[in-house]
Amino acid sequence: MLVLLFILSLLPLMHVGNTLAWDTDLLRYIHLSRNVSQDGFFRILTDSAALVTIGIPLVFLLAGLLLKKKSIWQQGLGFAAIFLTAMSLSTAFKYLLNKPRPFVTYDFIEKATSGNMPSFPSGHTTDVFVTALALSLVYRKWYVILPAFTWALLVAYSRLSLGVHYPSDVLAGIALGSFTAVIGCRVWAAAVK
């Protein structure tokens, strides 16, 4: 399912059928109908992606060292490996595909936050979905899953609202982050046993 989602998100890059128009039209609707007074809130959400994605492994690593608990330290190491893999894949795809940001291509899109590298896939969305799903796979409790995915969806939406990504970029980030989390958690679980 995740692979199919990723492949579907590639369609706008290939200009297949009317997909590019659909991608642009949806972005135009989201971005131009946004409440500009909420841009500050969405910028905070966007900025939280890197902080949380990097912070979680660091907290586990430090807690494991301070508490002298090998299992906690190993979780931190596993999270770090999974998150670094997702970030690396996202960056590699960005430069391989080199899709311009929407605010570069269309004058009706206002850049309301940072976004300098190529557009596809959304790195922020990749980061938050690898984080949310990895945490949810390790800690299968509603009080982990619900806030993690609520945060991830809000960050993903913020990238559209702030004009720095197309919907296909966000879909690809969801697929890439989720795929990396599932595979990473399986590899990590097998390695720890």
C-alpha atoms as a PDB file:
ATOM      1  CA  MET A   1       0.000   0.000   0.000  1.00  0.00           C
ATOM      2  CA  LEU A   2       2.814   2.405   0.899  1.00  0.00           C
ATOM      3  CA  VAL A   3       4.693   1.606  -2.308  1.00  0.00           C
ATOM      4  CA  LEU A   4       1.504   2.257  -4.317  1.00  0.00           C
ATOM      5  CA  LEU A   5       1.035   5.602  -2.540  1.00  0.00           C
ATOM      6  CA  PHE A   6       4.623   6.558  -3.349  1.00  0.00           C
ATOM      7  CA  ILE A   7       4.210   5.572  -7.025  1.00  0.00           C
ATOM      8  CA  LEU A   8       0.958   7.555  -7.291  1.00  0.00           C
ATOM      9  CA  SER A   9       2.697  10.582  -5.836  1.00  0.00           C
ATOM     10  CA  LEU A  10       5.267  10.360  -8.658  1.00  0.00           C
ATOM     11  CA  LEU A  11       2.600  10.924 -11.335  1.00  0.00           C
ATOM     12  CA  PRO A  12       2.787  14.742 -11.238  1.00  0.00           C
ATOM     13  CA  LEU A  13       6.505  14.487 -12.006  1.00  0.00           C
ATOM     14  CA  MET A  14       5.697  12.506 -15.123  1.00  0.00           C
ATOM     15  CA  HIS A  15       2.912  14.856 -16.267  1.00  0.00           C
ATOM     16  CA  VAL A  16       0.559  11.884 -16.700  1.00  0.00           C
ATOM     17  CA  GLY A  17      -2.955  12.842 -17.716  1.00  0.00           C
ATOM     18  CA  ASN A  18      -4.425  15.657 -15.660  1.00  0.00           C
ATOM     19  CA  THR A  19      -2.517  14.789 -12.499  1.00  0.00           C
ATOM     20  CA  LEU A  20      -0.324  17.890 -12.570  1.00  0.00           C
ATOM     21  CA  ALA A  21      -3.366  20.159 -12.848  1.00  0.00           C
ATOM     22  CA  TRP A  22      -5.050  18.289  -9.979  1.00  0.00           C
ATOM     23  CA  ASP A  23      -1.942  18.634  -7.804  1.00  0.00           C
ATOM     24  CA  THR A  24      -1.649  22.349  -8.512  1.00  0.00           C
ATOM     25  CA  ASP A  25      -5.387  23.018  -8.175  1.00  0.00           C
ATOM     26  CA  LEU A  26      -5.559  21.366  -4.767  1.00  0.00           C
ATOM     27  CA  LEU A  27      -2.502  23.283  -3.570  1.00  0.00           C
ATOM     28  CA  ARG A  28      -3.982  26.542  -4.885  1.00  0.00           C
ATOM     29  CA  TYR A  29      -7.231  25.884  -3.011  1.00  0.00           C
ATOM     30  CA  ILE A  30      -5.487  25.008   0.281  1.00  0.00           C
ATOM     31  CA  HIS A  31      -2.958  27.828   0.129  1.00  0.00           C
ATOM     32  CA  LEU A  32      -5.209  30.638  -1.084  1.00  0.00           C
ATOM     33  CA  SER A  33      -8.127  29.757   1.220  1.00  0.00           C
ATOM     34  CA  ARG A  34      -5.941  29.574   4.328  1.00  0.00           C
ATOM     35  CA  ASN A  35      -6.445  31.907   7.265  1.00  0.00           C
ATOM     36  CA  VAL A  36      -3.223  33.962   7.141  1.00  0.00           C
ATOM     37  CA  SER A  37      -3.471  34.661  10.875  1.00  0.00           C
ATOM     38  CA  GLN A  38      -2.770  30.934  11.435  1.00  0.00           C
ATOM     39  CA  ASP A  39       0.529  31.015   9.508  1.00  0.00           C
ATOM     40  CA  GLY A  40       2.476  31.513  12.748  1.00  0.00           C
ATOM     41  CA  PHE A  41       0.921  28.381  14.259  1.00  0.00           C
ATOM     42  CA  PHE A  42       1.721  26.375  11.123  1.00  0.00           C
ATOM     43  CA  ARG A  43       5.307  27.686  11.116  1.00  0.00           C
ATOM     44  CA  ILE A  44       5.710  26.444  14.708  1.00  0.00           C
ATOM     45  CA  LEU A  45       4.363  23.032  13.645  1.00  0.00           C
ATOM     46  CA  THR A  46       6.693  22.944  10.642  1.00  0.00           C
ATOM     47  CA  ASP A  47       9.676  23.873  12.817  1.00  0.00           C
ATOM     48  CA  SER A  48       8.787  21.151  15.342  1.00  0.00           C
ATOM     49  CA  ALA A  49       9.459  18.404  12.771  1.00  0.00           C
ATOM     50  CA  ALA A  50      13.253  18.462  12.981  1.00  0.00           C
ATOM     51  CA  LEU A  51      13.299  19.163  16.705  1.00  0.00           C
ATOM     52  CA  VAL A  52      11.090  16.182  17.566  1.00  0.00           C
ATOM     53  CA  THR A  53      12.579  13.806  14.998  1.00  0.00           C
ATOM     54  CA  ILE A  54      16.121  14.484  16.220  1.00  0.00           C
ATOM     55  CA  GLY A  55      15.128  14.926  19.867  1.00  0.00           C
ATOM     56  CA  ILE A  56      13.448  11.536  20.358  1.00  0.00           C
ATOM     57  CA  PRO A  57      16.528   9.396  19.670  1.00  0.00           C
ATOM     58  CA  LEU A  58      18.680  11.779  21.717  1.00  0.00           C
ATOM     59  CA  VAL A  59      16.341  11.536  24.712  1.00  0.00           C
ATOM     60  CA  PHE A  60      16.388   7.730  24.542  1.00  0.00           C
ATOM     61  CA  LEU A  61      20.167   7.614  24.138  1.00  0.00           C
ATOM     62  CA  LEU A  62      20.744   9.983  27.053  1.00  0.00           C
ATOM     63  CA  ALA A  63      18.169   8.260  29.258  1.00  0.00           C
ATOM     64  CA  GLY A  64      19.741   4.888  28.511  1.00  0.00           C
ATOM     65  CA  LEU A  65      23.197   6.171  29.411  1.00  0.00           C
ATOM     66  CA  LEU A  66      22.099   8.020  32.546  1.00  0.00           C
ATOM     67  CA  LEU A  67      19.909   5.184  33.808  1.00  0.00           C
ATOM     68  CA  LYS A  68      22.428   2.576  32.656  1.00  0.00           C
ATOM     69  CA  LYS A  69      19.671   0.714  30.812  1.00  0.00           C
ATOM     70  CA  LYS A  70      20.923  -1.009  27.687  1.00  0.00           C
ATOM     71  CA  SER A  71      17.392  -1.572  26.342  1.00  0.00           C
ATOM     72  CA  ILE A  72      16.555   2.162  26.412  1.00  0.00           C
ATOM     73  CA  TRP A  73      19.902   3.043  24.821  1.00  0.00           C
ATOM     74  CA  GLN A  74      19.259   0.438  22.086  1.00  0.00           C
ATOM     75  CA  GLN A  75      15.833   1.954  21.400  1.00  0.00           C
ATOM     76  CA  GLY A  76      17.485   5.341  20.957  1.00  0.00           C
ATOM     77  CA  LEU A  77      20.032   3.840  18.605  1.00  0.00           C
ATOM     78  CA  GLY A  78      17.278   2.095  16.641  1.00  0.00           C
ATOM     79  CA  PHE A  79      15.203   5.276  16.361  1.00  0.00           C
ATOM     80  CA  ALA A  80      18.284   7.231  15.264  1.00  0.00           C
ATOM     81  CA  ALA A  81      19.114   4.685  12.550  1.00  0.00           C
ATOM     82  CA  ILE A  82      15.538   4.628  11.242  1.00  0.00           C
ATOM     83  CA  PHE A  83      15.192   8.421  11.270  1.00  0.00           C
ATOM     84  CA  LEU A  84      18.579   8.987   9.612  1.00  0.00           C
ATOM     85  CA  THR A  85      17.681   6.470   6.907  1.00  0.00           C
ATOM     86  CA  ALA A  86      14.402   8.278   6.164  1.00  0.00           C
ATOM     87  CA  MET A  87      16.100  11.689   6.092  1.00  0.00           C
ATOM     88  CA  SER A  88      18.833  10.385   3.785  1.00  0.00           C
ATOM     89  CA  LEU A  89      16.348   8.787   1.391  1.00  0.00           C
ATOM     90  CA  SER A  90      14.235  11.938   1.299  1.00  0.00           C
ATOM     91  CA  THR A  91      17.239  14.129   0.526  1.00  0.00           C
ATOM     92  CA  ALA A  92      18.492  11.709  -2.142  1.00  0.00           C
ATOM     93  CA  PHE A  93      15.094  11.683  -3.887  1.00  0.00           C
ATOM     94  CA  LYS A  94      14.930  15.494  -3.716  1.00  0.00           C
ATOM     95  CA  TYR A  95      18.185  15.939  -5.610  1.00  0.00           C
ATOM     96  CA  LEU A  96      17.625  12.998  -7.936  1.00  0.00           C
ATOM     97  CA  LEU A  97      14.207  14.265  -9.078  1.00  0.00           C
ATOM     98  CA  ASN A  98      14.926  18.008  -8.642  1.00  0.00           C
ATOM     99  CA  LYS A  99      11.296  19.166  -8.671  1.00  0.00           C
ATOM    100  CA  PRO A 100      10.985  22.943  -8.149  1.00  0.00           C
ATOM    101  CA  ARG A 101       9.034  24.296  -5.196  1.00  0.00           C
ATOM    102  CA  PRO A 102       5.519  25.560  -5.969  1.00  0.00           C
ATOM    103  CA  PHE A 103       6.352  29.153  -5.006  1.00  0.00           C
ATOM    104  CA  VAL A 104       9.115  29.089  -7.637  1.00  0.00           C
ATOM    105  CA  THR A 105       6.803  27.823 -10.373  1.00  0.00           C
ATOM    106  CA  TYR A 106       3.572  29.689  -9.595  1.00  0.00           C
ATOM    107  CA  ASP A 107       3.261  33.366  -8.693  1.00  0.00           C
ATOM    108  CA  PHE A 108      -0.033  32.801  -6.822  1.00  0.00           C
ATOM    109  CA  ILE A 109       1.819  30.763  -4.174  1.00  0.00           C
ATOM    110  CA  GLU A 110       3.433  32.806  -1.423  1.00  0.00           C
ATOM    111  CA  LYS A 111       6.364  31.221   0.406  1.00  0.00           C
ATOM    112  CA  ALA A 112       5.338  31.581   4.056  1.00  0.00           C
ATOM    113  CA  THR A 113       8.178  29.528   5.618  1.00  0.00           C
ATOM    114  CA  SER A 114      11.555  28.035   4.794  1.00  0.00           C
ATOM    115  CA  GLY A 115      11.960  25.673   1.889  1.00  0.00           C
ATOM    116  CA  ASN A 116      15.167  25.776  -0.118  1.00  0.00           C
ATOM    117  CA  MET A 117      15.983  22.295  -1.425  1.00  0.00           C
ATOM    118  CA  PRO A 118      13.989  20.725  -4.260  1.00  0.00           C
ATOM    119  CA  SER A 119      10.367  19.929  -3.479  1.00  0.00           C
ATOM    120  CA  PHE A 120       9.793  16.189  -3.917  1.00  0.00           C
ATOM    121  CA  PRO A 121       9.264  14.455  -1.512  1.00  0.00           C
ATOM    122  CA  SER A 122       8.441  16.618   1.498  1.00  0.00           C
ATOM    123  CA  GLY A 123      11.301  16.105   3.942  1.00  0.00           C
ATOM    124  CA  HIS A 124       9.286  17.450   6.857  1.00  0.00           C
ATOM    125  CA  THR A 125       6.448  15.034   6.104  1.00  0.00           C
ATOM    126  CA  THR A 126       8.879  12.134   5.725  1.00  0.00           C
ATOM    127  CA  ASP A 127      10.427  13.025   9.091  1.00  0.00           C
ATOM    128  CA  VAL A 128       7.168  13.297  11.002  1.00  0.00           C
ATOM    129  CA  PHE A 129       5.655  10.132   9.562  1.00  0.00           C
ATOM    130  CA  VAL A 130       8.747   8.023  10.182  1.00  0.00           C
ATOM    131  CA  THR A 131       8.705   9.385  13.743  1.00  0.00           C
ATOM    132  CA  ALA A 132       4.976   8.838  14.340  1.00  0.00           C
ATOM    133  CA  LEU A 133       4.893   5.343  12.882  1.00  0.00           C
ATOM    134  CA  ALA A 134       8.139   4.138  14.484  1.00  0.00           C
ATOM    135  CA  LEU A 135       6.939   5.310  17.905  1.00  0.00           C
ATOM    136  CA  SER A 136       3.536   3.718  17.297  1.00  0.00           C
ATOM    137  CA  LEU A 137       5.050   0.404  16.259  1.00  0.00           C
ATOM    138  CA  VAL A 138       7.266   0.288  19.352  1.00  0.00           C
ATOM    139  CA  TYR A 139       4.718   1.701  21.828  1.00  0.00           C
ATOM    140  CA  ARG A 140       1.341   0.388  20.703  1.00  0.00           C
ATOM    141  CA  LYS A 141      -0.746   2.546  23.030  1.00  0.00           C
ATOM    142  CA  TRP A 142      -3.482   4.957  21.964  1.00  0.00           C
ATOM    143  CA  TYR A 143      -1.886   7.755  24.004  1.00  0.00           C
ATOM    144  CA  VAL A 144       1.249   7.442  21.854  1.00  0.00           C
ATOM    145  CA  ILE A 145      -0.440   6.750  18.511  1.00  0.00           C
ATOM    146  CA  LEU A 146      -3.137   9.472  18.608  1.00  0.00           C
ATOM    147  CA  PRO A 147      -0.894  12.456  19.433  1.00  0.00           C
ATOM    148  CA  ALA A 148       1.905  11.193  17.172  1.00  0.00           C
ATOM    149  CA  PHE A 149      -0.315  10.945  14.103  1.00  0.00           C
ATOM    150  CA  THR A 150      -2.269  14.114  14.899  1.00  0.00           C
ATOM    151  CA  TRP A 151       1.034  15.991  15.019  1.00  0.00           C
ATOM    152  CA  ALA A 152       2.286  14.296  11.832  1.00  0.00           C
ATOM    153  CA  LEU A 153      -0.874  15.155   9.884  1.00  0.00           C
ATOM    154  CA  LEU A 154      -0.799  18.775  11.074  1.00  0.00           C
ATOM    155  CA  VAL A 155       2.853  19.167  10.066  1.00  0.00           C
ATOM    156  CA  ALA A 156       2.097  17.625   6.652  1.00  0.00           C
ATOM    157  CA  TYR A 157      -0.825  20.032   6.159  1.00  0.00           C
ATOM    158  CA  SER A 158       1.333  22.964   7.260  1.00  0.00           C
ATOM    159  CA  ARG A 159       3.677  22.352   4.314  1.00  0.00           C
ATOM    160  CA  LEU A 160       0.738  22.839   1.927  1.00  0.00           C
ATOM    161  CA  SER A 161      -0.779  25.783   3.753  1.00  0.00           C
ATOM    162  CA  LEU A 162       2.562  27.584   3.899  1.00  0.00           C
ATOM    163  CA  GLY A 163       3.061  27.134   0.144  1.00  0.00           C
ATOM    164  CA  VAL A 164       6.272  25.118   0.115  1.00  0.00           C
ATOM    165  CA  HIS A 165       4.983  21.735  -1.123  1.00  0.00           C
ATOM    166  CA  TYR A 166       2.530  20.195  -3.542  1.00  0.00           C
ATOM    167  CA  PRO A 167       0.062  17.549  -2.295  1.00  0.00           C
ATOM    168  CA  SER A 168       2.063  14.895  -4.194  1.00  0.00           C
ATOM    169  CA  ASP A 169       5.191  15.920  -2.243  1.00  0.00           C
ATOM    170  CA  VAL A 170       3.310  15.382   1.016  1.00  0.00           C
ATOM    171  CA  LEU A 171       1.827  12.038  -0.122  1.00  0.00           C
ATOM    172  CA  ALA A 172       5.297  10.862  -1.098  1.00  0.00           C
ATOM    173  CA  GLY A 173       6.640  11.970   2.298  1.00  0.00           C
ATOM    174  CA  ILE A 174       3.886  10.016   4.073  1.00  0.00           C
ATOM    175  CA  ALA A 175       4.678   6.913   2.015  1.00  0.00           C
ATOM    176  CA  LEU A 176       8.455   7.201   2.333  1.00  0.00           C
ATOM    177  CA  GLY A 177       8.394   7.901   6.064  1.00  0.00           C
ATOM    178  CA  SER A 178       5.903   5.120   6.744  1.00  0.00           C
ATOM    179  CA  PHE A 179       7.728   2.597   4.570  1.00  0.00           C
ATOM    180  CA  THR A 180      11.048   3.391   6.246  1.00  0.00           C
ATOM    181  CA  ALA A 181       9.482   3.072   9.712  1.00  0.00           C
ATOM    182  CA  VAL A 182       7.926  -0.326   8.969  1.00  0.00           C
ATOM    183  CA  ILE A 183      11.066  -1.797   7.378  1.00  0.00           C
ATOM    184  CA  GLY A 184      13.356  -0.130   9.923  1.00  0.00           C
ATOM    185  CA  CYS A 185      11.392  -1.436  12.918  1.00  0.00           C
ATOM    186  CA  ARG A 186      11.410  -4.964  11.478  1.00  0.00           C
ATOM    187  CA  VAL A 187      15.165  -4.875  10.845  1.00  0.00           C
ATOM    188  CA  TRP A 188      15.791  -3.343  14.253  1.00  0.00           C
ATOM    189  CA  ALA A 189      13.632  -5.958  16.043  1.00  0.00           C
ATOM    190  CA  ALA A 190      15.455  -8.783  14.254  1.00  0.00           C
ATOM    191  CA  ALA A 191      18.865  -7.275  15.071  1.00  0.00           C
ATOM    192  CA  VAL A 192      18.102  -6.840  18.786  1.00  0.00           C
ATOM    193  CA  LYS A 193      16.929 -10.465  19.241  1.00  0.00           C
END
